[in-house]
Amino acid sequence: KISCPGQISVLGYDDDKRAETSTPPLSTIRVPIYELASDAANMLMRYLKEDDFKKDFYGESLLPVSLVERKSVEEIR
């Protein structure tokens, strides 16, 4: 019987479609999914072209994120 956002705040990640329809609507961090997937595919293609599969596969991508404020977060006193 804990009230959200009265006693606890909840923040999601990825801005899933269900975030808008939950009760209360979930505040979340929005990530540019298309760009994230595109960067991952490009990194994988570069790795596969190297033909050195003994090497570890890793990559790094810096993409902008944004806060989507809804009703699941408020200052708790």
PDB file of N, CA and C in Angstrom:
ATOM      1  N   LYS A   1       0.825  -1.210   0.000  1.00  0.00           N
ATOM      2  CA  LYS A   1       0.000   0.000   0.000  1.00  0.00           C
ATOM      3  C   LYS A   1       0.861   1.263   0.000  1.00  0.00           C
ATOM      4  N   ILE A   2       1.857   1.286  -0.852  1.00  0.00           N
ATOM      5  CA  ILE A   2       2.713   2.467  -0.983  1.00  0.00           C
ATOM      6  C   ILE A   2       2.204   3.275  -2.163  1.00  0.00           C
ATOM      7  N   SER A   3       2.040   4.574  -1.959  1.00  0.00           N
ATOM      8  CA  SER A   3       1.519   5.402  -3.049  1.00  0.00           C
ATOM      9  C   SER A   3       2.654   5.958  -3.905  1.00  0.00           C
ATOM     10  N   CYS A   4       2.421   5.933  -5.200  1.00  0.00           N
ATOM     11  CA  CYS A   4       3.357   6.482  -6.173  1.00  0.00           C
ATOM     12  C   CYS A   4       2.638   7.615  -6.884  1.00  0.00           C
ATOM     13  N   PRO A   5       3.127   8.808  -6.852  1.00  0.00           N
ATOM     14  CA  PRO A   5       4.429   9.251  -6.388  1.00  0.00           C
ATOM     15  C   PRO A   5       4.449   9.787  -4.958  1.00  0.00           C
ATOM     16  N   GLY A   6       3.389   9.657  -4.184  1.00  0.00           N
ATOM     17  CA  GLY A   6       3.342  10.232  -2.834  1.00  0.00           C
ATOM     18  C   GLY A   6       4.442   9.772  -1.909  1.00  0.00           C
ATOM     19  N   GLN A   7       4.710   8.452  -1.849  1.00  0.00           N
ATOM     20  CA  GLN A   7       5.720   7.914  -0.938  1.00  0.00           C
ATOM     21  C   GLN A   7       6.972   7.401  -1.652  1.00  0.00           C
ATOM     22  N   ILE A   8       6.856   7.142  -2.917  1.00  0.00           N
ATOM     23  CA  ILE A   8       7.994   6.628  -3.689  1.00  0.00           C
ATOM     24  C   ILE A   8       7.896   7.181  -5.115  1.00  0.00           C
ATOM     25  N   SER A   9       9.050   7.483  -5.675  1.00  0.00           N
ATOM     26  CA  SER A   9       9.096   7.914  -7.072  1.00  0.00           C
ATOM     27  C   SER A   9       9.682   6.781  -7.904  1.00  0.00           C
ATOM     28  N   VAL A  10       9.178   6.622  -9.129  1.00  0.00           N
ATOM     29  CA  VAL A  10       9.641   5.564 -10.021  1.00  0.00           C
ATOM     30  C   VAL A  10       9.991   6.197 -11.361  1.00  0.00           C
ATOM     31  N   LEU A  11      11.165   5.852 -11.880  1.00  0.00           N
ATOM     32  CA  LEU A  11      11.625   6.368 -13.163  1.00  0.00           C
ATOM     33  C   LEU A  11      12.003   5.196 -14.045  1.00  0.00           C
ATOM     34  N   GLY A  12      11.479   5.171 -15.258  1.00  0.00           N
ATOM     35  CA  GLY A  12      11.780   4.101 -16.196  1.00  0.00           C
ATOM     36  C   GLY A  12      12.876   4.486 -17.165  1.00  0.00           C
ATOM     37  N   TYR A  13      13.174   3.568 -18.072  1.00  0.00           N
ATOM     38  CA  TYR A  13      14.215   3.780 -19.072  1.00  0.00           C
ATOM     39  C   TYR A  13      13.723   3.240 -20.402  1.00  0.00           C
ATOM     40  N   ASP A  14      13.974   3.930 -21.477  1.00  0.00           N
ATOM     41  CA  ASP A  14      13.629   3.571 -22.859  1.00  0.00           C
ATOM     42  C   ASP A  14      12.294   4.128 -23.332  1.00  0.00           C
ATOM     43  N   ASP A  15      11.497   4.698 -22.485  1.00  0.00           N
ATOM     44  CA  ASP A  15      10.198   5.266 -22.857  1.00  0.00           C
ATOM     45  C   ASP A  15       9.346   4.272 -23.637  1.00  0.00           C
ATOM     46  N   ASP A  16       9.212   3.088 -23.083  1.00  0.00           N
ATOM     47  CA  ASP A  16       8.351   2.045 -23.648  1.00  0.00           C
ATOM     48  C   ASP A  16       6.923   2.590 -23.772  1.00  0.00           C
ATOM     49  N   LYS A  17       6.191   2.122 -24.761  1.00  0.00           N
ATOM     50  CA  LYS A  17       4.818   2.601 -25.002  1.00  0.00           C
ATOM     51  C   LYS A  17       3.924   2.424 -23.777  1.00  0.00           C
ATOM     52  N   ARG A  18       4.215   1.406 -22.962  1.00  0.00           N
ATOM     53  CA  ARG A  18       3.390   1.164 -21.773  1.00  0.00           C
ATOM     54  C   ARG A  18       3.585   2.241 -20.716  1.00  0.00           C
ATOM     55  N   ALA A  19       4.660   3.012 -20.811  1.00  0.00           N
ATOM     56  CA  ALA A  19       4.932   4.044 -19.813  1.00  0.00           C
ATOM     57  C   ALA A  19       3.811   5.084 -19.763  1.00  0.00           C
ATOM     58  N   GLU A  20       3.268   5.426 -20.924  1.00  0.00           N
ATOM     59  CA  GLU A  20       2.189   6.422 -20.991  1.00  0.00           C
ATOM     60  C   GLU A  20       0.887   5.909 -20.403  1.00  0.00           C
ATOM     61  N   THR A  21       0.652   4.622 -20.518  1.00  0.00           N
ATOM     62  CA  THR A  21      -0.645   4.069 -20.135  1.00  0.00           C
ATOM     63  C   THR A  21      -0.654   3.446 -18.748  1.00  0.00           C
ATOM     64  N   SER A  22       0.506   3.419 -18.073  1.00  0.00           N
ATOM     65  CA  SER A  22       0.520   2.858 -16.721  1.00  0.00           C
ATOM     66  C   SER A  22      -0.161   3.818 -15.757  1.00  0.00           C
ATOM     67  N   THR A  23      -0.446   3.339 -14.563  1.00  0.00           N
ATOM     68  CA  THR A  23      -1.086   4.179 -13.552  1.00  0.00           C
ATOM     69  C   THR A  23      -0.183   4.241 -12.337  1.00  0.00           C
ATOM     70  N   PRO A  24       0.391   5.381 -12.030  1.00  0.00           N
ATOM     71  CA  PRO A  24       0.379   6.629 -12.794  1.00  0.00           C
ATOM     72  C   PRO A  24       1.280   6.517 -14.026  1.00  0.00           C
ATOM     73  N   PRO A  25       1.110   7.415 -14.998  1.00  0.00           N
ATOM     74  CA  PRO A  25       1.997   7.399 -16.162  1.00  0.00           C
ATOM     75  C   PRO A  25       3.455   7.515 -15.713  1.00  0.00           C
ATOM     76  N   LEU A  26       4.313   6.667 -16.275  1.00  0.00           N
ATOM     77  CA  LEU A  26       5.693   6.521 -15.824  1.00  0.00           C
ATOM     78  C   LEU A  26       6.612   7.572 -16.431  1.00  0.00           C
ATOM     79  N   SER A  27       7.285   8.327 -15.564  1.00  0.00           N
ATOM     80  CA  SER A  27       8.355   9.214 -16.028  1.00  0.00           C
ATOM     81  C   SER A  27       9.490   8.318 -16.498  1.00  0.00           C
ATOM     82  N   THR A  28      10.206   8.739 -17.530  1.00  0.00           N
ATOM     83  CA  THR A  28      11.188   7.841 -18.118  1.00  0.00           C
ATOM     84  C   THR A  28      12.307   8.605 -18.819  1.00  0.00           C
ATOM     85  N   ILE A  29      13.368   7.886 -19.114  1.00  0.00           N
ATOM     86  CA  ILE A  29      14.459   8.425 -19.921  1.00  0.00           C
ATOM     87  C   ILE A  29      14.259   7.904 -21.345  1.00  0.00           C
ATOM     88  N   ARG A  30      14.143   8.815 -22.295  1.00  0.00           N
ATOM     89  CA  ARG A  30      13.953   8.432 -23.703  1.00  0.00           C
ATOM     90  C   ARG A  30      15.310   8.300 -24.380  1.00  0.00           C
ATOM     91  N   VAL A  31      15.491   7.180 -25.065  1.00  0.00           N
ATOM     92  CA  VAL A  31      16.724   6.877 -25.782  1.00  0.00           C
ATOM     93  C   VAL A  31      16.393   6.784 -27.269  1.00  0.00           C
ATOM     94  N   PRO A  32      17.213   7.356 -28.139  1.00  0.00           N
ATOM     95  CA  PRO A  32      16.937   7.261 -29.572  1.00  0.00           C
ATOM     96  C   PRO A  32      17.208   5.830 -30.078  1.00  0.00           C
ATOM     97  N   ILE A  33      16.192   4.977 -30.021  1.00  0.00           N
ATOM     98  CA  ILE A  33      16.324   3.550 -30.302  1.00  0.00           C
ATOM     99  C   ILE A  33      16.855   3.289 -31.717  1.00  0.00           C
ATOM    100  N   TYR A  34      16.338   3.993 -32.717  1.00  0.00           N
ATOM    101  CA  TYR A  34      16.776   3.761 -34.096  1.00  0.00           C
ATOM    102  C   TYR A  34      18.276   4.023 -34.235  1.00  0.00           C
ATOM    103  N   GLU A  35      18.732   5.152 -33.687  1.00  0.00           N
ATOM    104  CA  GLU A  35      20.144   5.494 -33.772  1.00  0.00           C
ATOM    105  C   GLU A  35      21.001   4.497 -32.993  1.00  0.00           C
ATOM    106  N   LEU A  36      20.509   4.054 -31.840  1.00  0.00           N
ATOM    107  CA  LEU A  36      21.221   3.067 -31.042  1.00  0.00           C
ATOM    108  C   LEU A  36      21.398   1.757 -31.815  1.00  0.00           C
ATOM    109  N   ALA A  37      20.320   1.290 -32.433  1.00  0.00           N
ATOM    110  CA  ALA A  37      20.372   0.056 -33.220  1.00  0.00           C
ATOM    111  C   ALA A  37      21.269   0.223 -34.445  1.00  0.00           C
ATOM    112  N   SER A  38      21.202   1.372 -35.090  1.00  0.00           N
ATOM    113  CA  SER A  38      22.028   1.642 -36.258  1.00  0.00           C
ATOM    114  C   SER A  38      23.513   1.630 -35.895  1.00  0.00           C
ATOM    115  N   ASP A  39      23.858   2.282 -34.786  1.00  0.00           N
ATOM    116  CA  ASP A  39      25.250   2.286 -34.338  1.00  0.00           C
ATOM    117  C   ASP A  39      25.718   0.865 -34.026  1.00  0.00           C
ATOM    118  N   ALA A  40      24.886   0.084 -33.362  1.00  0.00           N
ATOM    119  CA  ALA A  40      25.247  -1.294 -33.019  1.00  0.00           C
ATOM    120  C   ALA A  40      25.464  -2.134 -34.277  1.00  0.00           C
ATOM    121  N   ALA A  41      24.593  -1.978 -35.267  1.00  0.00           N
ATOM    122  CA  ALA A  41      24.732  -2.726 -36.516  1.00  0.00           C
ATOM    123  C   ALA A  41      26.015  -2.328 -37.245  1.00  0.00           C
ATOM    124  N   ASN A  42      26.323  -1.045 -37.265  1.00  0.00           N
ATOM    125  CA  ASN A  42      27.558  -0.579 -37.914  1.00  0.00           C
ATOM    126  C   ASN A  42      28.793  -1.120 -37.213  1.00  0.00           C
ATOM    127  N   MET A  43      28.778  -1.131 -35.871  1.00  0.00           N
ATOM    128  CA  MET A  43      29.910  -1.681 -35.121  1.00  0.00           C
ATOM    129  C   MET A  43      30.080  -3.169 -35.419  1.00  0.00           C
ATOM    130  N   LEU A  44      28.979  -3.887 -35.485  1.00  0.00           N
ATOM    131  CA  LEU A  44      29.027  -5.319 -35.770  1.00  0.00           C
ATOM    132  C   LEU A  44      29.560  -5.580 -37.179  1.00  0.00           C
ATOM    133  N   MET A  45      29.127  -4.783 -38.140  1.00  0.00           N
ATOM    134  CA  MET A  45      29.612  -4.951 -39.512  1.00  0.00           C
ATOM    135  C   MET A  45      31.117  -4.695 -39.598  1.00  0.00           C
ATOM    136  N   ARG A  46      31.601  -3.664 -38.903  1.00  0.00           N
ATOM    137  CA  ARG A  46      33.050  -3.400 -38.890  1.00  0.00           C
ATOM    138  C   ARG A  46      33.798  -4.577 -38.267  1.00  0.00           C
ATOM    139  N   TYR A  47      33.256  -5.129 -37.199  1.00  0.00           N
ATOM    140  CA  TYR A  47      33.881  -6.273 -36.532  1.00  0.00           C
ATOM    141  C   TYR A  47      33.936  -7.480 -37.453  1.00  0.00           C
ATOM    142  N   LEU A  48      32.846  -7.757 -38.151  1.00  0.00           N
ATOM    143  CA  LEU A  48      32.793  -8.915 -39.036  1.00  0.00           C
ATOM    144  C   LEU A  48      33.730  -8.768 -40.235  1.00  0.00           C
ATOM    145  N   LYS A  49      33.939  -7.550 -40.693  1.00  0.00           N
ATOM    146  CA  LYS A  49      34.849  -7.310 -41.815  1.00  0.00           C
ATOM    147  C   LYS A  49      36.306  -7.526 -41.435  1.00  0.00           C
ATOM    148  N   GLU A  50      36.639  -7.443 -40.147  1.00  0.00           N
ATOM    149  CA  GLU A  50      38.024  -7.601 -39.716  1.00  0.00           C
ATOM    150  C   GLU A  50      38.485  -9.055 -39.773  1.00  0.00           C
ATOM    151  N   ASP A  51      37.577 -10.007 -39.754  1.00  0.00           N
ATOM    152  CA  ASP A  51      37.901 -11.438 -39.812  1.00  0.00           C
ATOM    153  C   ASP A  51      38.795 -11.911 -38.668  1.00  0.00           C
ATOM    154  N   ASP A  52      38.829 -11.212 -37.563  1.00  0.00           N
ATOM    155  CA  ASP A  52      39.604 -11.641 -36.402  1.00  0.00           C
ATOM    156  C   ASP A  52      38.642 -11.883 -35.248  1.00  0.00           C
ATOM    157  N   PHE A  53      38.011 -13.052 -35.248  1.00  0.00           N
ATOM    158  CA  PHE A  53      36.959 -13.334 -34.280  1.00  0.00           C
ATOM    159  C   PHE A  53      37.493 -13.735 -32.913  1.00  0.00           C
ATOM    160  N   LYS A  54      38.808 -13.821 -32.776  1.00  0.00           N
ATOM    161  CA  LYS A  54      39.389 -14.088 -31.462  1.00  0.00           C
ATOM    162  C   LYS A  54      39.434 -12.810 -30.629  1.00  0.00           C
ATOM    163  N   LYS A  55      39.329 -11.693 -31.289  1.00  0.00           N
ATOM    164  CA  LYS A  55      39.359 -10.402 -30.622  1.00  0.00           C
ATOM    165  C   LYS A  55      37.997 -10.142 -29.967  1.00  0.00           C
ATOM    166  N   ASP A  56      38.015  -9.525 -28.801  1.00  0.00           N
ATOM    167  CA  ASP A  56      36.751  -9.178 -28.135  1.00  0.00           C
ATOM    168  C   ASP A  56      35.982  -8.160 -28.963  1.00  0.00           C
ATOM    169  N   PHE A  57      34.659  -8.283 -28.914  1.00  0.00           N
ATOM    170  CA  PHE A  57      33.792  -7.331 -29.615  1.00  0.00           C
ATOM    171  C   PHE A  57      33.219  -6.363 -28.592  1.00  0.00           C
ATOM    172  N   TYR A  58      33.495  -5.120 -28.762  1.00  0.00           N
ATOM    173  CA  TYR A  58      32.919  -4.095 -27.903  1.00  0.00           C
ATOM    174  C   TYR A  58      32.844  -2.801 -28.695  1.00  0.00           C
ATOM    175  N   GLY A  59      32.056  -1.901 -28.216  1.00  0.00           N
ATOM    176  CA  GLY A  59      31.943  -0.611 -28.872  1.00  0.00           C
ATOM    177  C   GLY A  59      31.363   0.397 -27.917  1.00  0.00           C
ATOM    178  N   GLU A  60      31.443   1.632 -28.306  1.00  0.00           N
ATOM    179  CA  GLU A  60      30.919   2.707 -27.485  1.00  0.00           C
ATOM    180  C   GLU A  60      30.217   3.697 -28.391  1.00  0.00           C
ATOM    181  N   SER A  61      29.081   4.168 -27.939  1.00  0.00           N
ATOM    182  CA  SER A  61      28.319   5.128 -28.719  1.00  0.00           C
ATOM    183  C   SER A  61      27.732   6.152 -27.764  1.00  0.00           C
ATOM    184  N   LEU A  62      27.884   7.401 -28.069  1.00  0.00           N
ATOM    185  CA  LEU A  62      27.354   8.471 -27.237  1.00  0.00           C
ATOM    186  C   LEU A  62      26.166   9.093 -27.962  1.00  0.00           C
ATOM    187  N   LEU A  63      24.984   8.900 -27.389  1.00  0.00           N
ATOM    188  CA  LEU A  63      23.758   9.420 -27.996  1.00  0.00           C
ATOM    189  C   LEU A  63      23.029  10.301 -26.997  1.00  0.00           C
ATOM    190  N   PRO A  64      22.290  11.304 -27.477  1.00  0.00           N
ATOM    191  CA  PRO A  64      21.544  12.165 -26.556  1.00  0.00           C
ATOM    192  C   PRO A  64      20.334  11.424 -25.987  1.00  0.00           C
ATOM    193  N   VAL A  65      20.056  11.645 -24.726  1.00  0.00           N
ATOM    194  CA  VAL A  65      18.857  11.106 -24.088  1.00  0.00           C
ATOM    195  C   VAL A  65      18.046  12.279 -23.551  1.00  0.00           C
ATOM    196  N   SER A  66      16.780  12.037 -23.252  1.00  0.00           N
ATOM    197  CA  SER A  66      15.959  13.109 -22.702  1.00  0.00           C
ATOM    198  C   SER A  66      15.045  12.557 -21.613  1.00  0.00           C
ATOM    199  N   LEU A  67      14.698  13.409 -20.683  1.00  0.00           N
ATOM    200  CA  LEU A  67      13.796  13.057 -19.599  1.00  0.00           C
ATOM    201  C   LEU A  67      12.373  13.341 -20.038  1.00  0.00           C
ATOM    202  N   VAL A  68      11.502  12.349 -19.914  1.00  0.00           N
ATOM    203  CA  VAL A  68      10.082  12.519 -20.209  1.00  0.00           C
ATOM    204  C   VAL A  68       9.369  12.538 -18.863  1.00  0.00           C
ATOM    205  N   GLU A  69       8.909  13.716 -18.460  1.00  0.00           N
ATOM    206  CA  GLU A  69       8.268  13.855 -17.153  1.00  0.00           C
ATOM    207  C   GLU A  69       6.784  13.519 -17.248  1.00  0.00           C
ATOM    208  N   ARG A  70       6.393  12.554 -16.429  1.00  0.00           N
ATOM    209  CA  ARG A  70       4.981  12.195 -16.330  1.00  0.00           C
ATOM    210  C   ARG A  70       4.590  12.278 -14.857  1.00  0.00           C
ATOM    211  N   LYS A  71       3.792  11.368 -14.376  1.00  0.00           N
ATOM    212  CA  LYS A  71       3.235  11.507 -13.025  1.00  0.00           C
ATOM    213  C   LYS A  71       3.838  10.579 -11.968  1.00  0.00           C
ATOM    214  N   SER A  72       4.875   9.804 -12.292  1.00  0.00           N
ATOM    215  CA  SER A  72       5.396   8.827 -11.320  1.00  0.00           C
ATOM    216  C   SER A  72       6.535   9.358 -10.456  1.00  0.00           C
ATOM    217  N   VAL A  73       6.898  10.621 -10.648  1.00  0.00           N
ATOM    218  CA  VAL A  73       8.000  11.210  -9.889  1.00  0.00           C
ATOM    219  C   VAL A  73       7.573  12.570  -9.360  1.00  0.00           C
ATOM    220  N   GLU A  74       7.866  12.775  -8.083  1.00  0.00           N
ATOM    221  CA  GLU A  74       7.695  14.107  -7.501  1.00  0.00           C
ATOM    222  C   GLU A  74       8.626  14.199  -6.311  1.00  0.00           C
ATOM    223  N   GLU A  75       8.842  15.405  -5.840  1.00  0.00           N
ATOM    224  CA  GLU A  75       9.693  15.586  -4.663  1.00  0.00           C
ATOM    225  C   GLU A  75       8.998  14.984  -3.464  1.00  0.00           C
ATOM    226  N   ILE A  76       9.695  14.097  -2.758  1.00  0.00           N
ATOM    227  CA  ILE A  76       9.126  13.436  -1.583  1.00  0.00           C
ATOM    228  C   ILE A  76       9.701  14.107  -0.338  1.00  0.00           C
ATOM    229  N   ARG A  77       8.829  14.500   0.549  1.00  0.00           N
ATOM    230  CA  ARG A  77       9.274  15.191   1.774  1.00  0.00           C
ATOM    231  C   ARG A  77       9.000  14.361   2.991  1.00  0.00           C
TER     232      ARG A  77
END
